[in-house]
Protein backbone atom coordinates (compact mmCIF):
# COMPACT_ATOMS: atom_id res chain seq x y z
CA MET A 1 -23.40 -89.60 61.89
CA TYR A 2 -26.44 -90.51 64.02
CA GLN A 3 -29.32 -91.85 61.91
CA SER A 4 -32.83 -91.18 63.18
CA ASP A 5 -35.68 -93.61 62.88
CA PRO A 6 -37.43 -92.98 60.60
CA PRO A 7 -34.63 -91.33 58.56
CA LEU A 8 -34.90 -87.58 58.11
CA ASP A 9 -35.25 -86.10 54.63
CA PRO A 10 -31.68 -85.22 53.57
CA LYS A 11 -33.01 -82.21 51.65
CA LYS A 12 -34.15 -80.76 54.94
CA VAL A 13 -31.20 -81.59 57.19
CA LEU A 14 -28.15 -81.74 54.89
CA PRO A 15 -26.64 -79.04 52.64
CA THR A 16 -28.10 -78.83 49.13
CA MET A 17 -26.63 -77.44 45.94
CA TYR A 18 -27.94 -74.04 47.01
CA ASP A 19 -25.67 -74.22 50.04
CA LEU A 20 -22.76 -75.72 48.09
CA PRO A 21 -22.57 -73.97 44.69
CA SER A 22 -19.67 -74.35 42.28
CA GLU A 23 -18.00 -71.21 43.55
CA ASP A 24 -14.82 -70.81 45.51
CA PRO A 25 -15.41 -68.19 48.24
CA GLU A 26 -12.02 -66.75 47.29
CA GLU A 27 -12.90 -66.67 43.60
CA PRO A 28 -16.66 -66.20 43.07
CA GLY A 29 -18.30 -66.67 39.70
CA LEU A 30 -16.78 -70.01 38.72
CA PRO A 31 -18.95 -71.83 36.16
CA ASP A 32 -21.99 -73.87 37.08
CA GLU A 33 -24.01 -75.87 34.55
CA TYR A 34 -25.91 -72.83 33.30
CA HIS A 35 -22.62 -70.98 32.76
CA LEU A 36 -21.57 -73.81 30.43
CA LEU A 37 -24.79 -74.10 28.39
CA GLN A 38 -25.65 -70.42 27.87
CA PRO A 39 -22.24 -69.49 26.39
CA GLN A 40 -22.54 -72.50 24.06
CA LEU A 41 -25.82 -71.19 22.66
CA LEU A 42 -24.32 -67.72 22.22
CA ARG A 43 -21.35 -69.23 20.37
CA TYR A 44 -23.45 -71.42 18.07
CA THR A 45 -25.80 -68.58 17.08
CA PHE A 46 -23.24 -65.79 16.69
CA ARG A 47 -23.10 -65.52 12.90
CA PRO A 48 -22.57 -61.89 11.77
CA ALA A 49 -23.77 -61.53 8.20
CA ASN A 50 -21.02 -59.08 7.26
CA TYR A 51 -18.00 -60.99 8.62
CA PRO A 52 -16.64 -64.34 7.40
CA GLU A 53 -16.28 -67.10 9.97
CA ASP A 54 -12.49 -67.01 9.80
CA GLU A 55 -12.52 -63.36 10.97
CA ILE A 56 -14.51 -64.00 14.15
CA PHE A 57 -13.30 -65.18 17.53
CA VAL A 58 -15.62 -66.00 20.41
CA ALA A 59 -14.72 -67.35 23.83
CA SER A 60 -16.18 -68.10 27.23
CA ASP A 61 -14.37 -68.27 30.54
CA LEU A 62 -11.06 -67.48 28.82
CA ASN A 63 -8.47 -65.14 30.32
CA LEU A 64 -8.53 -61.73 28.65
CA TYR A 65 -5.25 -59.86 29.22
CA TYR A 66 -5.72 -56.15 28.71
CA ASP A 67 -2.82 -54.04 30.09
CA VAL A 68 0.69 -54.26 28.68
CA ARG A 69 2.02 -52.35 31.70
CA HIS A 70 0.59 -55.06 33.96
CA PRO A 71 0.83 -58.17 31.78
CA LEU A 72 -0.45 -60.55 34.46
CA TRP A 73 -3.71 -58.66 34.99
CA TYR A 74 -6.70 -60.27 33.33
CA LYS A 75 -10.47 -60.54 33.34
CA ARG A 76 -12.44 -63.69 32.55
CA PRO A 77 -15.71 -62.76 30.81
CA ASP A 78 -18.51 -65.29 30.76
CA TRP A 79 -18.64 -64.75 26.98
CA PHE A 80 -17.09 -62.31 24.53
CA ALA A 81 -16.73 -61.87 20.79
CA VAL A 82 -14.05 -60.20 18.70
CA ILE A 83 -14.61 -59.35 15.05
CA GLY A 84 -12.01 -58.63 12.40
CA VAL A 85 -9.44 -60.93 14.00
CA PRO A 86 -8.30 -64.35 12.72
CA ARG A 87 -10.23 -67.29 14.12
CA LEU A 88 -6.89 -68.95 14.96
CA TYR A 89 -3.96 -67.21 16.58
CA GLU A 90 -1.48 -66.36 13.81
CA GLN A 91 -3.73 -68.45 11.54
CA ARG A 92 -2.60 -71.74 13.09
CA GLU A 93 -3.12 -72.06 16.85
CA LEU A 94 -6.14 -72.41 19.11
CA ARG A 95 -5.87 -69.66 21.69
CA LEU A 96 -4.81 -70.35 25.25
CA SER A 97 -5.93 -66.83 26.21
CA TYR A 98 -6.69 -63.53 24.49
CA VAL A 99 -3.88 -60.98 24.79
CA VAL A 100 -5.06 -57.65 23.40
CA TRP A 101 -1.61 -56.11 22.89
CA GLN A 102 -0.66 -59.08 20.70
CA GLU A 103 -3.98 -59.33 18.85
CA GLY A 104 -4.44 -55.62 18.18
CA VAL A 105 -8.26 -55.89 18.28
CA ASN A 106 -10.45 -55.42 21.36
CA PRO A 107 -13.69 -57.34 21.98
CA PHE A 108 -16.81 -55.93 20.33
CA VAL A 109 -19.27 -57.34 22.84
CA VAL A 110 -18.96 -58.84 26.32
CA VAL A 111 -21.69 -60.80 28.10
CA GLU A 112 -21.69 -61.36 31.84
CA LEU A 113 -24.16 -63.78 33.42
CA LEU A 114 -24.97 -62.54 36.88
CA SER A 115 -24.30 -64.70 39.89
CA PRO A 116 -24.73 -63.66 43.53
CA GLY A 117 -20.98 -63.57 44.09
CA THR A 118 -20.18 -61.26 41.17
CA GLU A 119 -23.34 -59.14 40.72
CA LYS A 120 -21.99 -55.92 42.20
CA GLU A 121 -18.79 -56.01 40.18
CA ASP A 122 -20.62 -56.96 36.97
CA LEU A 123 -22.85 -53.89 37.38
CA GLY A 124 -20.01 -51.51 38.23
CA GLN A 125 -21.05 -51.15 41.86
CA THR A 126 -17.69 -52.01 43.40
CA LEU A 127 -14.79 -49.65 43.98
CA ARG A 128 -11.22 -50.37 43.05
CA ASP A 129 -8.94 -51.00 45.99
CA ALA A 130 -5.63 -49.19 46.08
CA ASN A 131 -2.84 -51.02 44.25
CA GLN A 132 -5.33 -53.57 42.92
CA PRO A 133 -6.34 -54.26 39.30
CA PRO A 134 -9.30 -52.30 37.93
CA THR A 135 -12.80 -53.74 38.11
CA LYS A 136 -14.52 -55.46 35.19
CA TRP A 137 -16.55 -52.35 34.51
CA GLU A 138 -13.46 -50.16 34.38
CA VAL A 139 -11.67 -52.57 32.06
CA TYR A 140 -14.56 -52.94 29.62
CA GLU A 141 -15.52 -49.25 29.66
CA ARG A 142 -12.28 -47.30 30.03
CA ILE A 143 -9.45 -49.57 28.96
CA LEU A 144 -10.82 -51.85 26.25
CA ARG A 145 -13.74 -49.56 25.34
CA VAL A 146 -15.96 -52.50 24.43
CA PRO A 147 -18.88 -51.09 22.39
CA TYR A 148 -21.52 -53.32 23.98
CA TYR A 149 -21.59 -54.71 27.50
CA ILE A 150 -24.48 -57.10 28.18
CA VAL A 151 -25.58 -58.24 31.63
CA PHE A 152 -28.19 -60.96 32.05
CA ASP A 153 -29.77 -62.06 35.31
CA ARG A 154 -31.20 -65.53 34.82
CA TYR A 155 -32.97 -65.46 38.17
CA ASN A 156 -35.42 -62.80 37.04
CA ASP A 157 -34.78 -62.93 33.26
CA GLN A 158 -33.62 -59.31 33.25
CA LEU A 159 -31.53 -58.17 30.29
CA ARG A 160 -29.51 -54.98 30.66
CA VAL A 161 -27.54 -53.47 27.79
CA PHE A 162 -24.82 -50.87 28.15
CA GLN A 163 -23.52 -49.12 25.06
CA LEU A 164 -20.35 -47.07 24.95
CA VAL A 165 -21.28 -43.46 24.31
CA GLY A 166 -18.30 -41.12 24.31
CA SER A 167 -16.11 -42.14 27.21
CA SER A 168 -18.63 -44.02 29.33
CA TYR A 169 -21.38 -46.62 29.24
CA SER A 170 -24.99 -45.58 28.84
CA GLU A 171 -27.73 -48.08 29.67
CA LEU A 172 -30.19 -48.51 26.83
CA GLU A 173 -33.90 -48.35 27.53
CA LEU A 174 -35.25 -51.52 25.98
CA GLY A 175 -38.84 -51.51 24.76
CA GLU A 176 -38.53 -55.29 24.55
CA PRO A 177 -35.76 -57.59 25.79
CA ARG A 178 -33.54 -57.40 22.73
CA VAL A 179 -30.95 -55.10 21.18
CA TRP A 180 -29.84 -54.66 17.56
CA MET A 181 -26.11 -54.14 16.84
CA ASN A 182 -25.87 -52.62 13.40
CA ASP A 183 -22.09 -52.95 13.07
CA ILE A 184 -22.35 -56.73 13.01
CA GLN A 185 -25.87 -56.99 11.54
CA LEU A 186 -27.01 -59.08 14.50
CA GLY A 187 -29.29 -58.64 17.45
CA LEU A 188 -29.26 -60.23 20.88
CA GLY A 189 -32.43 -61.01 22.77
CA LEU A 190 -34.28 -63.29 25.16
CA TRP A 191 -35.73 -66.47 23.69
CA GLN A 192 -38.06 -68.88 25.47
CA GLY A 193 -37.31 -72.34 24.19
CA VAL A 194 -35.61 -75.70 24.59
CA TYR A 195 -31.83 -75.95 24.37
CA GLN A 196 -30.01 -79.14 25.31
CA GLY A 197 -33.29 -80.46 26.68
CA ILE A 198 -33.79 -77.48 29.01
CA ASP A 199 -36.85 -75.26 28.53
CA ARG A 200 -36.19 -71.79 29.90
CA VAL A 201 -35.38 -68.24 28.85
CA TRP A 202 -32.07 -68.09 26.99
CA LEU A 203 -29.95 -65.38 25.42
CA ARG A 204 -29.47 -65.92 21.70
CA TRP A 205 -28.73 -63.98 18.51
CA TYR A 206 -31.19 -63.03 15.79
CA ASP A 207 -30.89 -61.72 12.22
CA ALA A 208 -32.08 -58.57 10.44
CA GLU A 209 -35.51 -60.13 9.81
CA GLY A 210 -35.93 -60.86 13.50
CA ASN A 211 -35.42 -64.61 13.05
CA TRP A 212 -33.47 -66.47 15.70
CA ILE A 213 -30.17 -67.77 14.35
CA LEU A 214 -30.30 -71.57 14.28
CA THR A 215 -27.66 -73.86 15.71
CA ALA A 216 -26.18 -76.54 13.42
CA GLU A 217 -28.37 -79.14 15.15
CA GLU A 218 -31.49 -77.04 14.61
CA ARG A 219 -30.58 -76.52 10.94
CA GLU A 220 -30.19 -80.27 10.48
CA ARG A 221 -33.56 -80.95 12.12
CA GLN A 222 -35.14 -78.28 9.90
CA ARG A 223 -33.56 -79.87 6.81
CA ALA A 224 -34.81 -83.33 7.84
CA GLU A 225 -38.32 -81.97 8.40
CA ARG A 226 -38.36 -80.33 4.95
CA GLU A 227 -37.26 -83.62 3.41
CA ARG A 228 -39.95 -85.53 5.29
CA ARG A 229 -42.61 -83.14 4.04
CA ARG A 230 -41.27 -83.41 0.47
CA VAL A 231 -41.56 -87.20 0.61
CA GLU A 232 -45.08 -86.97 2.00
CA ARG A 233 -46.15 -84.62 -0.81
CA LEU A 234 -44.65 -86.94 -3.41
CA ALA A 235 -46.42 -89.91 -1.86
CA GLU A 236 -49.76 -88.11 -1.98
CA GLN A 237 -49.21 -87.25 -5.65
CA LEU A 238 -48.47 -90.90 -6.47
CA ARG A 239 -51.52 -92.11 -4.57
CA SER A 240 -53.69 -89.65 -6.50
CA LEU A 241 -52.45 -91.40 -9.65
CA GLY A 242 -53.32 -94.82 -8.26
CA VAL A 243 -49.77 -95.77 -7.38
CA GLU A 244 -48.91 -96.94 -3.88
CA PRO A 245 -45.46 -95.45 -3.10
CA ASN A 246 -42.64 -97.43 -1.53
CA LEU A 247 -41.58 -94.92 1.10
CA ASP A 248 -38.66 -97.10 2.20
CA ASP A 249 -36.92 -96.12 -1.03
CA GLU A 250 -37.51 -92.42 -0.45
CA VAL A 251 -36.62 -91.93 3.20
């Protein structure tokens, strides 16, 4: 390749990540870095108060087989949760996929993270071609009858929530960007904060008091901070009695 003198800025003359995303033109919606981190946060904060951990299954980018008459048809949600089903398949195996006619329980909530290649299908704006599998919308709404279908657009931080009412989805009018799901005693909303070193708007779960559910790492940091404050209070009490504390023994 001919090199100019002085060299041209490669950001201006060569393709960037915006030109070369992690999507196959024949299969749009393949995960990028955001599609790995956001489902992690959803997984780590999904803690329904009224279901034990061993009766909850969550997955991201896992094949979801939904039609026994067409056993090879599947959808691949960005994230979904099933409640009232064993955490392990037949109590012993990590799942290779989720096969609804074997499990007997359909997902309770599905989250799709919009990307330019899948936006129309995620929002039910595509039509089914003859002799082709149904669209995501048709599968979630009419076949699996998933109670809550969540769509989040990270480019404009727009949260849209569709709830199954009768035989079809109805979009909820959100006074604020969050939704409470009484059946699982959890809510899902937009949180501005730092996760994995990235400060942005994230989807995460919250409890009945409106508190964001903490990840295990956040709980450990909170515990360490409480312990640090306890030691400081004890040290101050000792100093007030004229005793200089040896903090190395306490921390």
